[in-house]
Amino acid sequence: MLSFLKNHPFAVEAHFKSSLVLTFAVPKKQLENLIPECLELDTFDDKWGFIAVAMVQTKDLRPKGFPKFMGNDFFLIGYRVFVRYTTSTGKRLRGLYILKSETNKKKMELMGNIFTHYNYTTTDIQETQHTNTKEIKSKISGFKVHIDTTAKKIALPENSPFPDWKQARRYAGPLPYTFTYNLDKKEVLLIEGVRQNWKPKPIKVVESSFVFLEFLKLENYVLANAFEINDIPYYWKKGRIDIWKK
C-alpha cells in the first residue's frame, strides 16, 4: 500500500510564483554512477552531462481539481540530473532524475515523502531582495545564490560549453518527465509535467555555491546556464509505470 502511495497516485497542480534554475555542466564520466541502469545521460557534445539546481516558489499546491483554498505555499529545491529513457514501446523521453529534494516546511516534507519517492528534507531558506540584486541562501544546506536583477544584455556564464542561449535553453529545467526506478521490479515511474507559457528568461549569476555538489565530489564542473520564469500555472500528471527492457 505504501509503495502505491509513493507512486504519485493523483495529479497535482500549483502556481509557480518563480522558478530559478541553475544548470551545471559536469564531465559526463562523473555523473554516470549517479543514475540508475535504466537511464542514460542527456549529454552535450558527447562530453558534458548536466545537473540542475531548481529553486521554486509554489503557491496553492494541491491535488488537481481541488479548490485553491485547500492548497499550500512552499519553497522547493531539487538537484536533478538531465537524462533520457527509452520506454518499453521504444519511445525516447527526455527528463530528470532527482538526487536530492528540499523544502522550507515540514508539511511538505511529510506529504512529499508519503506520495513521492523524492525523499524530502526540511531546511532553512532565506530570500533577500535588494535594489539591484536578489540572494537566496540556506545555512543548514550550505548554499548561496546571488543574482543581478537589473542586467539587460546577459552573456552566457564564463566557461559555459554552450555556443549560444538557444542551445543553452534546451537544458533549462524542468523537462517534460521525471523518472524514478525500482531496481527489484525493473519498473520506471514516469511523472509528466504540463506547463503553459513557459518562456525562461536568462539571468546573470553574480556568484553561487552549493555544498551538495561538493558532497558528490564533482570536479571541473561549471555553471552552464541560468534561467528564471515567473507566474506560471503548472501541474503534474498521475504517475504511470513502465517496465524497463534492456
Protein backbone atom coordinates (compact mmCIF):
# COMPACT_ATOMS: atom_id res chain seq x y z
CA MET A 1 0.00 0.00 0.00
CA LEU A 2 2.78 2.41 0.93
CA SER A 3 4.55 1.63 -2.31
CA PHE A 4 1.41 2.53 -4.26
CA LEU A 5 1.00 5.82 -2.41
CA LYS A 6 4.56 6.88 -3.24
CA ASN A 7 3.93 6.43 -6.97
CA HIS A 8 2.18 9.80 -7.45
CA PRO A 9 -1.34 8.27 -7.27
CA PHE A 10 -3.08 11.52 -8.30
CA ALA A 11 -2.36 14.61 -10.37
CA VAL A 12 -1.04 17.70 -8.55
CA GLU A 13 -1.28 21.35 -9.57
CA ALA A 14 0.34 24.56 -8.40
CA HIS A 15 1.16 28.09 -9.46
CA PHE A 16 4.87 28.81 -9.84
CA LYS A 17 5.42 32.29 -8.44
CA SER A 18 9.02 31.91 -9.54
CA SER A 19 11.35 29.19 -10.72
CA LEU A 20 15.08 29.87 -10.71
CA VAL A 21 17.19 27.13 -12.28
CA LEU A 22 20.99 26.96 -12.42
CA THR A 23 22.38 24.22 -14.64
CA PHE A 24 25.92 22.99 -14.15
CA ALA A 25 27.93 21.18 -16.82
CA VAL A 26 29.90 18.22 -15.46
CA PRO A 27 32.29 15.89 -17.33
CA LYS A 28 29.91 13.03 -18.12
CA LYS A 29 32.01 10.25 -16.57
CA GLN A 30 31.44 11.80 -13.14
CA LEU A 31 27.64 11.51 -13.45
CA GLU A 32 27.29 8.01 -14.85
CA ASN A 33 27.32 6.35 -11.42
CA LEU A 34 24.68 8.72 -10.05
CA ILE A 35 21.86 7.46 -12.27
CA PRO A 36 20.19 4.01 -12.39
CA GLU A 37 20.84 1.45 -15.10
CA CYS A 38 17.63 2.21 -16.99
CA LEU A 39 18.62 5.80 -17.73
CA GLU A 40 21.32 7.39 -19.84
CA LEU A 41 22.79 10.84 -19.55
CA ASP A 42 21.41 13.60 -21.75
CA THR A 43 24.77 14.93 -22.93
CA PHE A 44 26.06 17.84 -24.95
CA ASP A 45 28.93 17.47 -27.41
CA ASP A 46 29.36 13.89 -26.09
CA LYS A 47 31.42 15.38 -23.27
CA TRP A 48 29.18 17.11 -20.78
CA GLY A 49 26.40 15.87 -18.54
CA PHE A 50 24.26 18.28 -16.53
CA ILE A 51 22.94 18.81 -13.01
CA ALA A 52 20.20 21.39 -12.49
CA VAL A 53 19.53 23.09 -9.18
CA ALA A 54 15.92 24.28 -9.24
CA MET A 55 14.59 26.72 -6.63
CA VAL A 56 10.83 27.03 -6.98
CA GLN A 57 8.32 29.12 -5.06
CA THR A 58 4.95 27.38 -5.38
CA LYS A 59 1.55 28.79 -4.50
CA ASP A 60 -1.66 26.82 -3.86
CA LEU A 61 -0.04 23.40 -4.36
CA ARG A 62 -2.82 20.79 -4.10
CA PRO A 63 -4.34 17.71 -5.77
CA LYS A 64 -5.53 18.72 -9.22
CA GLY A 65 -9.15 19.82 -9.22
CA PHE A 66 -9.23 20.77 -5.55
CA PRO A 67 -10.13 24.40 -4.73
CA LYS A 68 -7.26 26.85 -4.25
CA PHE A 69 -8.03 27.42 -0.57
CA MET A 70 -7.01 23.81 0.08
CA GLY A 71 -3.58 24.44 -1.41
CA ASN A 72 -0.34 25.33 0.34
CA ASP A 73 2.61 27.59 -0.45
CA PHE A 74 6.06 26.01 -0.39
CA PHE A 75 9.63 26.72 -1.42
CA LEU A 76 11.05 23.65 -3.17
CA ILE A 77 14.64 22.86 -4.10
CA GLY A 78 15.67 19.97 -6.30
CA TYR A 79 19.03 18.68 -7.51
CA ARG A 80 18.45 16.79 -10.76
CA VAL A 81 20.44 15.09 -13.50
CA PHE A 82 19.41 15.54 -17.14
CA VAL A 83 18.68 12.07 -18.55
CA ARG A 84 16.96 10.12 -21.31
CA TYR A 85 14.83 7.00 -21.09
CA THR A 86 13.65 4.54 -23.75
CA THR A 87 10.21 3.11 -22.91
CA SER A 88 9.13 -0.49 -23.38
CA THR A 89 7.48 0.59 -26.66
CA GLY A 90 10.66 2.25 -27.92
CA LYS A 91 9.70 5.86 -27.28
CA ARG A 92 12.57 8.15 -26.32
CA LEU A 93 11.87 10.56 -23.47
CA ARG A 94 13.90 13.44 -22.05
CA GLY A 95 13.66 14.17 -18.37
CA LEU A 96 15.26 14.46 -14.97
CA TYR A 97 16.48 12.09 -12.27
CA ILE A 98 16.26 13.53 -8.78
CA LEU A 99 19.27 13.28 -6.48
CA LYS A 100 18.00 15.39 -3.59
CA SER A 101 14.87 17.35 -2.64
CA GLU A 102 14.41 20.04 0.00
CA THR A 103 11.59 22.27 1.20
CA ASN A 104 11.06 25.04 3.71
CA LYS A 105 8.11 23.43 5.52
CA LYS A 106 7.67 20.19 7.48
CA LYS A 107 4.23 19.70 5.99
CA MET A 108 5.69 19.43 2.50
CA GLU A 109 8.38 17.05 3.75
CA LEU A 110 5.73 14.80 5.30
CA MET A 111 3.30 14.83 2.39
CA GLY A 112 6.04 14.70 -0.22
CA ASN A 113 7.52 11.59 1.35
CA ILE A 114 4.14 9.86 1.53
CA PHE A 115 3.21 10.48 -2.10
CA THR A 116 6.60 10.57 -3.88
CA HIS A 117 9.99 8.86 -3.87
CA TYR A 118 11.80 12.20 -3.73
CA ASN A 119 13.00 11.91 -0.10
CA TYR A 120 12.30 15.47 1.00
CA THR A 121 14.09 17.08 3.91
CA THR A 122 13.29 20.42 5.53
CA THR A 123 15.80 23.23 5.50
CA ASP A 124 16.01 26.95 6.13
CA ILE A 125 15.64 29.16 3.08
CA GLN A 126 16.22 32.88 3.12
CA GLU A 127 15.42 35.11 0.17
CA THR A 128 16.54 38.73 0.25
CA GLN A 129 15.61 41.29 -2.39
CA HIS A 130 17.92 44.29 -2.71
CA THR A 131 17.65 47.24 -5.10
CA ASN A 132 19.71 45.62 -7.87
CA THR A 133 20.21 42.06 -6.69
CA LYS A 134 18.47 39.05 -5.16
CA GLU A 135 20.02 36.50 -2.83
CA ILE A 136 18.76 33.04 -1.91
CA LYS A 137 20.66 31.09 0.73
CA SER A 138 20.46 28.35 3.33
CA LYS A 139 22.67 27.97 6.36
CA ILE A 140 21.62 24.37 7.02
CA SER A 141 22.01 23.19 3.43
CA GLY A 142 25.03 25.34 2.72
CA PHE A 143 24.09 27.07 -0.48
CA LYS A 144 24.03 30.64 -1.72
CA VAL A 145 22.91 32.22 -4.99
CA HIS A 146 23.36 35.89 -5.76
CA ILE A 147 21.82 37.25 -8.97
CA ASP A 148 21.84 40.63 -10.70
CA THR A 149 18.21 41.65 -11.26
CA THR A 150 18.98 44.71 -13.40
CA ALA A 151 21.20 43.22 -16.12
CA LYS A 152 19.76 43.69 -19.62
CA LYS A 153 22.15 42.13 -22.13
CA ILE A 154 23.16 38.90 -20.43
CA ALA A 155 26.07 36.80 -21.64
CA LEU A 156 26.35 33.08 -21.07
CA PRO A 157 28.27 32.21 -17.90
CA GLU A 158 32.01 32.18 -18.32
CA ASN A 159 33.26 28.72 -19.41
CA SER A 160 29.77 27.55 -20.38
CA PRO A 161 30.04 24.79 -23.00
CA PHE A 162 27.10 26.19 -24.97
CA PRO A 163 27.74 28.39 -28.02
CA ASP A 164 24.58 30.45 -27.51
CA TRP A 165 21.43 30.84 -25.42
CA LYS A 166 19.38 28.84 -27.94
CA GLN A 167 21.40 25.72 -27.23
CA ALA A 168 21.52 26.52 -23.52
CA ARG A 169 17.72 26.71 -23.33
CA ARG A 170 17.46 23.01 -24.23
CA TYR A 171 18.99 22.33 -20.83
CA ALA A 172 16.73 24.61 -18.82
CA GLY A 173 14.55 22.62 -16.42
CA PRO A 174 12.07 21.39 -15.80
CA LEU A 175 11.95 18.89 -18.64
CA PRO A 176 8.77 17.01 -19.62
CA TYR A 177 9.43 13.97 -17.39
CA THR A 178 10.84 12.97 -14.04
CA PHE A 179 11.93 9.35 -13.56
CA THR A 180 12.11 7.06 -10.52
CA TYR A 181 13.42 3.48 -10.76
CA ASN A 182 12.52 0.34 -8.80
CA LEU A 183 15.54 -1.92 -9.28
CA ASP A 184 13.92 -5.10 -7.92
CA LYS A 185 10.87 -4.87 -10.17
CA LYS A 186 12.62 -3.20 -13.11
CA GLU A 187 9.86 -0.57 -13.03
CA VAL A 188 10.30 3.02 -14.11
CA LEU A 189 7.84 5.54 -12.68
CA LEU A 190 7.12 8.30 -15.20
CA ILE A 191 5.90 11.66 -13.90
CA GLU A 192 4.88 14.04 -16.68
CA GLY A 193 4.73 17.77 -16.05
CA VAL A 194 2.45 20.08 -18.02
CA ARG A 195 3.28 23.77 -18.33
CA GLN A 196 1.85 26.84 -20.06
CA ASN A 197 3.51 29.97 -21.43
CA TRP A 198 6.92 28.63 -20.46
CA LYS A 199 9.40 31.29 -21.55
CA PRO A 200 12.55 31.05 -19.42
CA LYS A 201 14.46 34.31 -19.14
CA PRO A 202 18.28 34.25 -18.90
CA ILE A 203 19.63 35.72 -15.69
CA LYS A 204 23.04 36.91 -14.58
CA VAL A 205 24.50 34.97 -11.67
CA VAL A 206 26.98 37.02 -9.67
CA GLU A 207 28.03 34.09 -7.51
CA SER A 208 26.78 30.68 -6.43
CA SER A 209 27.92 27.83 -4.21
CA PHE A 210 26.30 24.53 -3.24
CA VAL A 211 27.71 22.20 -0.58
CA PHE A 212 25.74 19.30 -2.07
CA LEU A 213 27.73 19.47 -5.30
CA GLU A 214 30.90 19.26 -3.24
CA PHE A 215 29.41 16.29 -1.36
CA LEU A 216 29.05 14.50 -4.71
CA LYS A 217 32.82 15.02 -5.18
CA LEU A 218 32.33 16.57 -8.59
CA GLU A 219 35.37 18.11 -10.25
CA ASN A 220 35.78 20.64 -13.04
CA TYR A 221 32.10 21.49 -13.22
CA VAL A 222 31.00 24.90 -14.48
CA LEU A 223 27.83 26.96 -14.50
CA ALA A 224 26.37 26.37 -17.96
CA ASN A 225 23.23 28.49 -17.85
CA ALA A 226 20.74 30.16 -15.50
CA PHE A 227 17.10 30.91 -16.22
CA GLU A 228 14.09 32.26 -14.36
CA ILE A 229 10.36 32.19 -15.02
CA ASN A 230 7.56 33.87 -13.07
CA ASP A 231 3.82 33.40 -12.57
CA ILE A 232 3.26 30.16 -14.45
CA PRO A 233 0.48 27.56 -13.94
CA TYR A 234 1.88 24.03 -13.72
CA TYR A 235 0.66 20.54 -12.97
CA TRP A 236 2.00 17.00 -12.73
CA LYS A 237 0.01 14.11 -14.15
CA LYS A 238 -0.69 10.96 -12.16
CA GLY A 239 2.34 8.68 -12.23
CA ARG A 240 2.48 5.72 -14.59
CA ILE A 241 4.65 2.63 -14.55
CA ASP A 242 6.75 1.38 -17.46
CA ILE A 243 8.65 -1.92 -17.37
CA TRP A 244 12.25 -1.39 -18.38
CA LYS A 245 13.59 -3.69 -21.09
CA LYS A 246 17.37 -3.85 -21.51
